[in-house]
Amino acid sequence: ILGNILPIPIVLLFLDKILRWLEKYKVTKNFVKKLENKILSKKKQIEKYGYIGLILFVGIPIPGTGAWTGSALAVLLNMNKKKSFVYIILGIILASIIMSILSYGILGNIIR
């Protein structure tokens, strides 16, 4: 959980600045646009449910979701950084609970 939380403030604080800097150069401009489009393709859930959507987006462990993508979405959607940080942590905890239940509950019973 801690390892997943540590990079979130960095993403929330600096991603926008880094992307704007990379956009200035021809070599990286297309990369930035593709990255933004890929991330923003997942914005529907967050826009519909707000910060609860952010928890669900980060907390439901499926490919393409998680703390990093949730943080990037929060930045690109201009969400409040402090509030987003709290909700992303809640999403990380939710994902950890779900994965623990799946790993130790269902798989634990299969292995026995």
Protein backbone atom coordinates (compact mmCIF):
# COMPACT_ATOMS: atom_id res chain seq x y z
CA ILE A 1 0.00 0.00 0.00
CA LEU A 2 2.76 2.42 0.96
CA GLY A 3 4.68 1.74 -2.25
CA ASN A 4 1.57 2.56 -4.23
CA ILE A 5 0.94 5.78 -2.28
CA LEU A 6 4.47 7.24 -2.45
CA PRO A 7 4.49 8.31 -6.13
CA ILE A 8 1.00 9.85 -6.05
CA PRO A 9 1.99 13.30 -4.68
CA ILE A 10 4.72 13.50 -7.32
CA VAL A 11 2.27 12.70 -10.11
CA LEU A 12 -0.34 15.11 -8.75
CA LEU A 13 2.13 17.96 -8.32
CA PHE A 14 4.35 17.60 -11.36
CA LEU A 15 2.62 15.67 -14.15
CA ASP A 16 0.97 18.70 -15.70
CA LYS A 17 4.23 20.67 -15.65
CA ILE A 18 6.15 17.77 -17.19
CA LEU A 19 3.57 17.23 -19.92
CA ARG A 20 3.48 20.94 -20.81
CA TRP A 21 7.29 20.97 -20.98
CA LEU A 22 7.35 17.86 -23.20
CA GLU A 23 4.73 19.37 -25.51
CA LYS A 24 7.20 22.09 -26.50
CA TYR A 25 9.37 19.62 -28.42
CA LYS A 26 8.46 17.97 -31.72
CA VAL A 27 10.00 14.67 -30.65
CA THR A 28 7.75 14.28 -27.59
CA LYS A 29 4.66 16.27 -28.60
CA ASN A 30 2.88 13.28 -30.22
CA PHE A 31 3.75 11.08 -27.25
CA VAL A 32 2.13 13.58 -24.86
CA LYS A 33 -1.02 13.81 -26.98
CA LYS A 34 -1.33 10.01 -27.20
CA LEU A 35 -0.79 9.68 -23.45
CA GLU A 36 -3.37 12.35 -22.65
CA ASN A 37 -5.90 10.77 -25.03
CA LYS A 38 -5.32 7.32 -23.53
CA ILE A 39 -5.76 8.61 -19.99
CA LEU A 40 -8.74 10.82 -20.83
CA SER A 41 -10.48 7.89 -22.55
CA LYS A 42 -11.14 6.64 -19.02
CA LYS A 43 -12.64 9.88 -17.70
CA LYS A 44 -16.33 8.97 -18.06
CA GLN A 45 -16.55 7.20 -14.67
CA ILE A 46 -14.84 10.06 -12.85
CA GLU A 47 -16.92 12.76 -14.48
CA LYS A 48 -20.13 10.86 -13.70
CA TYR A 49 -19.40 10.09 -10.03
CA GLY A 50 -16.80 12.72 -9.11
CA TYR A 51 -14.45 11.80 -6.30
CA ILE A 52 -16.37 8.58 -5.55
CA GLY A 53 -15.67 7.63 -9.17
CA LEU A 54 -11.99 8.28 -8.48
CA ILE A 55 -12.09 5.85 -5.55
CA LEU A 56 -13.80 3.22 -7.71
CA PHE A 57 -11.45 3.81 -10.64
CA VAL A 58 -8.39 3.30 -8.47
CA GLY A 59 -9.98 0.68 -6.21
CA ILE A 60 -11.36 -1.80 -8.69
CA PRO A 61 -8.29 -3.79 -9.75
CA ILE A 62 -8.58 -4.17 -13.51
CA PRO A 63 -5.92 -3.47 -16.16
CA GLY A 64 -5.58 0.20 -17.03
CA THR A 65 -6.83 1.49 -13.72
CA GLY A 66 -4.99 2.21 -10.51
CA ALA A 67 -3.30 4.92 -8.54
CA TRP A 68 -1.01 6.22 -11.28
CA THR A 69 -3.75 6.46 -13.91
CA GLY A 70 -6.20 7.84 -11.35
CA SER A 71 -3.69 10.51 -10.39
CA ALA A 72 -3.09 11.39 -14.02
CA LEU A 73 -6.84 11.64 -14.60
CA ALA A 74 -7.23 13.90 -11.57
CA VAL A 75 -4.51 16.18 -12.96
CA LEU A 76 -5.89 16.23 -16.50
CA LEU A 77 -9.44 16.89 -15.23
CA ASN A 78 -8.16 19.71 -12.99
CA MET A 79 -9.48 18.11 -9.81
CA ASN A 80 -8.43 19.43 -6.40
CA LYS A 81 -5.04 17.86 -5.68
CA LYS A 82 -5.38 17.49 -1.91
CA LYS A 83 -8.86 16.01 -2.15
CA SER A 84 -7.77 13.74 -5.01
CA PHE A 85 -4.84 12.47 -2.95
CA VAL A 86 -7.18 11.40 -0.13
CA TYR A 87 -9.61 9.68 -2.49
CA ILE A 88 -6.81 7.94 -4.38
CA ILE A 89 -5.48 6.56 -1.07
CA LEU A 90 -8.99 5.29 -0.28
CA GLY A 91 -9.02 3.64 -3.72
CA ILE A 92 -5.65 2.00 -3.04
CA ILE A 93 -6.98 0.64 0.24
CA LEU A 94 -10.11 -0.66 -1.53
CA ALA A 95 -7.99 -2.38 -4.19
CA SER A 96 -5.83 -3.92 -1.46
CA ILE A 97 -8.89 -5.27 0.34
CA ILE A 98 -10.35 -6.69 -2.89
CA MET A 99 -7.06 -8.35 -3.85
CA SER A 100 -6.59 -9.75 -0.34
CA ILE A 101 -10.07 -11.27 -0.39
CA LEU A 102 -9.48 -12.74 -3.83
CA SER A 103 -6.00 -14.00 -3.02
CA TYR A 104 -6.57 -15.40 0.45
CA GLY A 105 -10.26 -16.14 0.26
CA ILE A 106 -11.04 -17.68 -3.08
CA LEU A 107 -7.55 -18.83 -4.03
CA GLY A 108 -6.84 -19.93 -0.49
CA ASN A 109 -9.84 -22.26 -0.62
CA ILE A 110 -8.87 -23.63 -4.03
CA ILE A 111 -5.31 -24.44 -2.96
CA ARG A 112 -6.39 -26.33 0.17
